[in-house]
Amino acid sequence: DLETILRLAADLGEDPDILLALAGQVAADVREIIVQRPLLFAELIRGLGDLPDYQLTTLVQQVRNIRC
């Protein structure tokens, strides 16, 4: 159950997104974002699936800078 995973993450000091992913789930806020634009996010995620971690990290940093 989602609440159990979130409590477990808090108790262990772990990132809840990691534990949710290991359980085959995503956070409610992430799910809502995807549901708002399912085709765009499906295409984006599939397109990013083969990128190496260093390129994904760079992309995440760029997105964070846009939001600031």
PDB file of N, CA and C in Angstrom:
ATOM      1  N   ASP A   1       0.836  -1.178   0.000  1.00  0.00           N
ATOM      2  CA  ASP A   1       0.000   0.000   0.000  1.00  0.00           C
ATOM      3  C   ASP A   1       0.883   1.245   0.000  1.00  0.00           C
ATOM      4  N   LEU A   2       0.432   2.260  -0.675  1.00  0.00           N
ATOM      5  CA  LEU A   2       1.201   3.488  -0.881  1.00  0.00           C
ATOM      6  C   LEU A   2       1.628   4.129   0.429  1.00  0.00           C
ATOM      7  N   GLU A   3       0.710   4.242   1.362  1.00  0.00           N
ATOM      8  CA  GLU A   3       1.025   4.884   2.648  1.00  0.00           C
ATOM      9  C   GLU A   3       2.100   4.119   3.419  1.00  0.00           C
ATOM     10  N   THR A   4       2.059   2.807   3.356  1.00  0.00           N
ATOM     11  CA  THR A   4       3.063   1.985   4.030  1.00  0.00           C
ATOM     12  C   THR A   4       4.442   2.228   3.437  1.00  0.00           C
ATOM     13  N   ILE A   5       4.514   2.300   2.126  1.00  0.00           N
ATOM     14  CA  ILE A   5       5.799   2.546   1.459  1.00  0.00           C
ATOM     15  C   ILE A   5       6.329   3.924   1.836  1.00  0.00           C
ATOM     16  N   LEU A   6       5.458   4.919   1.861  1.00  0.00           N
ATOM     17  CA  LEU A   6       5.893   6.276   2.226  1.00  0.00           C
ATOM     18  C   LEU A   6       6.378   6.336   3.672  1.00  0.00           C
ATOM     19  N   ARG A   7       5.677   5.660   4.585  1.00  0.00           N
ATOM     20  CA  ARG A   7       6.124   5.623   5.991  1.00  0.00           C
ATOM     21  C   ARG A   7       7.455   4.895   6.118  1.00  0.00           C
ATOM     22  N   LEU A   8       7.582   3.795   5.399  1.00  0.00           N
ATOM     23  CA  LEU A   8       8.829   3.024   5.433  1.00  0.00           C
ATOM     24  C   LEU A   8       9.988   3.872   4.922  1.00  0.00           C
ATOM     25  N   ALA A   9       9.778   4.598   3.839  1.00  0.00           N
ATOM     26  CA  ALA A   9      10.822   5.471   3.302  1.00  0.00           C
ATOM     27  C   ALA A   9      11.228   6.510   4.335  1.00  0.00           C
ATOM     28  N   ALA A  10      10.249   7.111   4.996  1.00  0.00           N
ATOM     29  CA  ALA A  10      10.545   8.124   6.021  1.00  0.00           C
ATOM     30  C   ALA A  10      11.314   7.504   7.186  1.00  0.00           C
ATOM     31  N   ASP A  11      10.885   6.335   7.639  1.00  0.00           N
ATOM     32  CA  ASP A  11      11.554   5.664   8.759  1.00  0.00           C
ATOM     33  C   ASP A  11      12.987   5.287   8.422  1.00  0.00           C
ATOM     34  N   LEU A  12      13.219   4.898   7.171  1.00  0.00           N
ATOM     35  CA  LEU A  12      14.561   4.475   6.749  1.00  0.00           C
ATOM     36  C   LEU A  12      15.424   5.631   6.254  1.00  0.00           C
ATOM     37  N   GLY A  13      14.822   6.804   6.092  1.00  0.00           N
ATOM     38  CA  GLY A  13      15.562   7.941   5.556  1.00  0.00           C
ATOM     39  C   GLY A  13      15.884   7.771   4.080  1.00  0.00           C
ATOM     40  N   GLU A  14      15.022   7.054   3.375  1.00  0.00           N
ATOM     41  CA  GLU A  14      15.233   6.805   1.948  1.00  0.00           C
ATOM     42  C   GLU A  14      14.320   7.706   1.112  1.00  0.00           C
ATOM     43  N   ASP A  15      14.679   7.884  -0.134  1.00  0.00           N
ATOM     44  CA  ASP A  15      13.848   8.643  -1.054  1.00  0.00           C
ATOM     45  C   ASP A  15      12.600   7.820  -1.372  1.00  0.00           C
ATOM     46  N   PRO A  16      11.414   8.369  -1.119  1.00  0.00           N
ATOM     47  CA  PRO A  16      10.201   7.586  -1.380  1.00  0.00           C
ATOM     48  C   PRO A  16      10.027   7.195  -2.839  1.00  0.00           C
ATOM     49  N   ASP A  17      10.513   8.008  -3.771  1.00  0.00           N
ATOM     50  CA  ASP A  17      10.381   7.663  -5.189  1.00  0.00           C
ATOM     51  C   ASP A  17      11.115   6.368  -5.516  1.00  0.00           C
ATOM     52  N   ILE A  18      12.240   6.136  -4.860  1.00  0.00           N
ATOM     53  CA  ILE A  18      12.995   4.901  -5.105  1.00  0.00           C
ATOM     54  C   ILE A  18      12.220   3.690  -4.606  1.00  0.00           C
ATOM     55  N   LEU A  19      11.717   3.778  -3.375  1.00  0.00           N
ATOM     56  CA  LEU A  19      10.961   2.644  -2.840  1.00  0.00           C
ATOM     57  C   LEU A  19       9.663   2.410  -3.612  1.00  0.00           C
ATOM     58  N   LEU A  20       9.010   3.489  -4.022  1.00  0.00           N
ATOM     59  CA  LEU A  20       7.801   3.330  -4.831  1.00  0.00           C
ATOM     60  C   LEU A  20       8.124   2.637  -6.151  1.00  0.00           C
ATOM     61  N   ALA A  21       9.199   3.041  -6.800  1.00  0.00           N
ATOM     62  CA  ALA A  21       9.587   2.421  -8.068  1.00  0.00           C
ATOM     63  C   ALA A  21       9.901   0.937  -7.881  1.00  0.00           C
ATOM     64  N   LEU A  22      10.583   0.613  -6.799  1.00  0.00           N
ATOM     65  CA  LEU A  22      10.889  -0.792  -6.529  1.00  0.00           C
ATOM     66  C   LEU A  22       9.618  -1.611  -6.318  1.00  0.00           C
ATOM     67  N   ALA A  23       8.561  -0.946  -5.844  1.00  0.00           N
ATOM     68  CA  ALA A  23       7.278  -1.615  -5.631  1.00  0.00           C
ATOM     69  C   ALA A  23       6.384  -1.533  -6.866  1.00  0.00           C
ATOM     70  N   GLY A  24       6.914  -0.964  -7.959  1.00  0.00           N
ATOM     71  CA  GLY A  24       6.136  -0.865  -9.187  1.00  0.00           C
ATOM     72  C   GLY A  24       5.083   0.224  -9.155  1.00  0.00           C
ATOM     73  N   GLN A  25       5.307   1.258  -8.343  1.00  0.00           N
ATOM     74  CA  GLN A  25       4.352   2.356  -8.217  1.00  0.00           C
ATOM     75  C   GLN A  25       5.054   3.685  -8.470  1.00  0.00           C
ATOM     76  N   VAL A  26       4.255   4.728  -8.634  1.00  0.00           N
ATOM     77  CA  VAL A  26       4.790   6.085  -8.730  1.00  0.00           C
ATOM     78  C   VAL A  26       4.029   6.971  -7.757  1.00  0.00           C
ATOM     79  N   ALA A  27       4.665   8.041  -7.341  1.00  0.00           N
ATOM     80  CA  ALA A  27       4.044   8.981  -6.408  1.00  0.00           C
ATOM     81  C   ALA A  27       2.803   9.601  -7.043  1.00  0.00           C
ATOM     82  N   ALA A  28       1.848   9.948  -6.207  1.00  0.00           N
ATOM     83  CA  ALA A  28       0.579  10.508  -6.679  1.00  0.00           C
ATOM     84  C   ALA A  28       0.790  11.774  -7.488  1.00  0.00           C
ATOM     85  N   ASP A  29       1.736  12.634  -7.083  1.00  0.00           N
ATOM     86  CA  ASP A  29       1.952  13.877  -7.825  1.00  0.00           C
ATOM     87  C   ASP A  29       2.521  13.599  -9.213  1.00  0.00           C
ATOM     88  N   VAL A  30       3.378  12.601  -9.311  1.00  0.00           N
ATOM     89  CA  VAL A  30       3.943  12.223 -10.610  1.00  0.00           C
ATOM     90  C   VAL A  30       2.849  11.621 -11.491  1.00  0.00           C
ATOM     91  N   ARG A  31       2.029  10.771 -10.910  1.00  0.00           N
ATOM     92  CA  ARG A  31       0.932  10.159 -11.662  1.00  0.00           C
ATOM     93  C   ARG A  31      -0.006  11.231 -12.210  1.00  0.00           C
ATOM     94  N   GLU A  32      -0.333  12.229 -11.397  1.00  0.00           N
ATOM     95  CA  GLU A  32      -1.226  13.300 -11.830  1.00  0.00           C
ATOM     96  C   GLU A  32      -0.638  14.085 -13.004  1.00  0.00           C
ATOM     97  N   ILE A  33       0.649  14.343 -12.959  1.00  0.00           N
ATOM     98  CA  ILE A  33       1.310  15.058 -14.055  1.00  0.00           C
ATOM     99  C   ILE A  33       1.216  14.242 -15.345  1.00  0.00           C
ATOM    100  N   ILE A  34       1.456  12.950 -15.245  1.00  0.00           N
ATOM    101  CA  ILE A  34       1.390  12.078 -16.416  1.00  0.00           C
ATOM    102  C   ILE A  34      -0.033  12.011 -16.954  1.00  0.00           C
ATOM    103  N   VAL A  35      -1.010  11.907 -16.068  1.00  0.00           N
ATOM    104  CA  VAL A  35      -2.410  11.793 -16.479  1.00  0.00           C
ATOM    105  C   VAL A  35      -2.867  13.048 -17.214  1.00  0.00           C
ATOM    106  N   GLN A  36      -2.329  14.207 -16.858  1.00  0.00           N
ATOM    107  CA  GLN A  36      -2.719  15.446 -17.512  1.00  0.00           C
ATOM    108  C   GLN A  36      -2.293  15.487 -18.980  1.00  0.00           C
ATOM    109  N   ARG A  37      -1.167  14.855 -19.302  1.00  0.00           N
ATOM    110  CA  ARG A  37      -0.653  14.839 -20.683  1.00  0.00           C
ATOM    111  C   ARG A  37      -0.048  13.477 -21.000  1.00  0.00           C
ATOM    112  N   PRO A  38      -0.864  12.449 -21.047  1.00  0.00           N
ATOM    113  CA  PRO A  38      -0.341  11.082 -21.164  1.00  0.00           C
ATOM    114  C   PRO A  38       0.476  10.814 -22.417  1.00  0.00           C
ATOM    115  N   LEU A  39       0.051  11.307 -23.554  1.00  0.00           N
ATOM    116  CA  LEU A  39       0.795  11.024 -24.788  1.00  0.00           C
ATOM    117  C   LEU A  39       2.174  11.676 -24.774  1.00  0.00           C
ATOM    118  N   LEU A  40       2.221  12.925 -24.348  1.00  0.00           N
ATOM    119  CA  LEU A  40       3.509  13.626 -24.313  1.00  0.00           C
ATOM    120  C   LEU A  40       4.480  12.964 -23.345  1.00  0.00           C
ATOM    121  N   PHE A  41       3.991  12.618 -22.154  1.00  0.00           N
ATOM    122  CA  PHE A  41       4.901  12.021 -21.176  1.00  0.00           C
ATOM    123  C   PHE A  41       5.294  10.598 -21.542  1.00  0.00           C
ATOM    124  N   ALA A  42       4.396   9.849 -22.147  1.00  0.00           N
ATOM    125  CA  ALA A  42       4.754   8.504 -22.605  1.00  0.00           C
ATOM    126  C   ALA A  42       5.860   8.577 -23.652  1.00  0.00           C
ATOM    127  N   GLU A  43       5.700   9.495 -24.600  1.00  0.00           N
ATOM    128  CA  GLU A  43       6.722   9.656 -25.640  1.00  0.00           C
ATOM    129  C   GLU A  43       8.048  10.120 -25.040  1.00  0.00           C
ATOM    130  N   LEU A  44       7.965  11.072 -24.120  1.00  0.00           N
ATOM    131  CA  LEU A  44       9.179  11.583 -23.474  1.00  0.00           C
ATOM    132  C   LEU A  44       9.908  10.483 -22.714  1.00  0.00           C
ATOM    133  N   ILE A  45       9.184   9.738 -21.901  1.00  0.00           N
ATOM    134  CA  ILE A  45       9.808   8.690 -21.089  1.00  0.00           C
ATOM    135  C   ILE A  45      10.398   7.597 -21.975  1.00  0.00           C
ATOM    136  N   ARG A  46       9.664   7.201 -23.002  1.00  0.00           N
ATOM    137  CA  ARG A  46      10.205   6.179 -23.909  1.00  0.00           C
ATOM    138  C   ARG A  46      11.449   6.687 -24.636  1.00  0.00           C
ATOM    139  N   GLY A  47      11.430   7.944 -25.021  1.00  0.00           N
ATOM    140  CA  GLY A  47      12.575   8.524 -25.711  1.00  0.00           C
ATOM    141  C   GLY A  47      13.802   8.658 -24.829  1.00  0.00           C
ATOM    142  N   LEU A  48      13.582   8.850 -23.544  1.00  0.00           N
ATOM    143  CA  LEU A  48      14.697   9.015 -22.610  1.00  0.00           C
ATOM    144  C   LEU A  48      15.200   7.686 -22.054  1.00  0.00           C
ATOM    145  N   GLY A  49      14.463   6.631 -22.292  1.00  0.00           N
ATOM    146  CA  GLY A  49      14.769   5.337 -21.691  1.00  0.00           C
ATOM    147  C   GLY A  49      16.154   4.794 -21.977  1.00  0.00           C
ATOM    148  N   ASP A  50      16.717   5.119 -23.125  1.00  0.00           N
ATOM    149  CA  ASP A  50      18.024   4.559 -23.484  1.00  0.00           C
ATOM    150  C   ASP A  50      19.195   5.501 -23.196  1.00  0.00           C
ATOM    151  N   LEU A  51      18.895   6.688 -22.688  1.00  0.00           N
ATOM    152  CA  LEU A  51      19.986   7.630 -22.398  1.00  0.00           C
ATOM    153  C   LEU A  51      20.806   7.148 -21.208  1.00  0.00           C
ATOM    154  N   PRO A  52      22.103   7.361 -21.240  1.00  0.00           N
ATOM    155  CA  PRO A  52      22.927   7.024 -20.072  1.00  0.00           C
ATOM    156  C   PRO A  52      22.628   7.987 -18.917  1.00  0.00           C
ATOM    157  N   ASP A  53      22.945   7.548 -17.723  1.00  0.00           N
ATOM    158  CA  ASP A  53      22.651   8.337 -16.520  1.00  0.00           C
ATOM    159  C   ASP A  53      23.224   9.746 -16.569  1.00  0.00           C
ATOM    160  N   TYR A  54      24.431   9.899 -17.092  1.00  0.00           N
ATOM    161  CA  TYR A  54      25.030  11.235 -17.078  1.00  0.00           C
ATOM    162  C   TYR A  54      24.231  12.210 -17.951  1.00  0.00           C
ATOM    163  N   GLN A  55      23.646  11.728 -19.046  1.00  0.00           N
ATOM    164  CA  GLN A  55      22.837  12.603 -19.889  1.00  0.00           C
ATOM    165  C   GLN A  55      21.494  12.921 -19.224  1.00  0.00           C
ATOM    166  N   LEU A  56      20.916  11.941 -18.553  1.00  0.00           N
ATOM    167  CA  LEU A  56      19.676  12.193 -17.820  1.00  0.00           C
ATOM    168  C   LEU A  56      19.909  13.176 -16.681  1.00  0.00           C
ATOM    169  N   THR A  57      21.022  13.039 -15.998  1.00  0.00           N
ATOM    170  CA  THR A  57      21.352  13.953 -14.905  1.00  0.00           C
ATOM    171  C   THR A  57      21.492  15.377 -15.430  1.00  0.00           C
ATOM    172  N   THR A  58      22.151  15.537 -16.553  1.00  0.00           N
ATOM    173  CA  THR A  58      22.293  16.859 -17.173  1.00  0.00           C
ATOM    174  C   THR A  58      20.932  17.430 -17.539  1.00  0.00           C
ATOM    175  N   LEU A  59      20.069  16.614 -18.102  1.00  0.00           N
ATOM    176  CA  LEU A  59      18.730  17.056 -18.473  1.00  0.00           C
ATOM    177  C   LEU A  59      17.921  17.476 -17.244  1.00  0.00           C
ATOM    178  N   VAL A  60      17.993  16.703 -16.180  1.00  0.00           N
ATOM    179  CA  VAL A  60      17.276  17.045 -14.943  1.00  0.00           C
ATOM    180  C   VAL A  60      17.782  18.376 -14.392  1.00  0.00           C
ATOM    181  N   GLN A  61      19.077  18.585 -14.417  1.00  0.00           N
ATOM    182  CA  GLN A  61      19.638  19.854 -13.943  1.00  0.00           C
ATOM    183  C   GLN A  61      19.142  21.025 -14.789  1.00  0.00           C
ATOM    184  N   GLN A  62      19.044  20.832 -16.088  1.00  0.00           N
ATOM    185  CA  GLN A  62      18.548  21.893 -16.966  1.00  0.00           C
ATOM    186  C   GLN A  62      17.086  22.205 -16.665  1.00  0.00           C
ATOM    187  N   VAL A  63      16.285  21.185 -16.425  1.00  0.00           N
ATOM    188  CA  VAL A  63      14.870  21.387 -16.102  1.00  0.00           C
ATOM    189  C   VAL A  63      14.745  22.128 -14.777  1.00  0.00           C
ATOM    190  N   ARG A  64      15.560  21.763 -13.803  1.00  0.00           N
ATOM    191  CA  ARG A  64      15.526  22.456 -12.499  1.00  0.00           C
ATOM    192  C   ARG A  64      15.869  23.944 -12.686  1.00  0.00           C
ATOM    193  N   ASN A  65      16.824  24.245 -13.544  1.00  0.00           N
ATOM    194  CA  ASN A  65      17.213  25.634 -13.778  1.00  0.00           C
ATOM    195  C   ASN A  65      16.112  26.423 -14.454  1.00  0.00           C
ATOM    196  N   ILE A  66      15.328  25.784 -15.304  1.00  0.00           N
ATOM    197  CA  ILE A  66      14.218  26.452 -15.980  1.00  0.00           C
ATOM    198  C   ILE A  66      13.159  26.855 -14.966  1.00  0.00           C
ATOM    199  N   ARG A  67      12.900  25.982 -14.002  1.00  0.00           N
ATOM    200  CA  ARG A  67      11.849  26.238 -13.002  1.00  0.00           C
ATOM    201  C   ARG A  67      12.231  27.304 -11.995  1.00  0.00           C
ATOM    202  N   CYS A  68      13.506  27.590 -11.851  1.00  0.00           N
ATOM    203  CA  CYS A  68      13.948  28.560 -10.828  1.00  0.00           C
ATOM    204  C   CYS A  68      13.771  29.985 -11.279  1.00  0.00           C
TER     205      CYS A  68
END
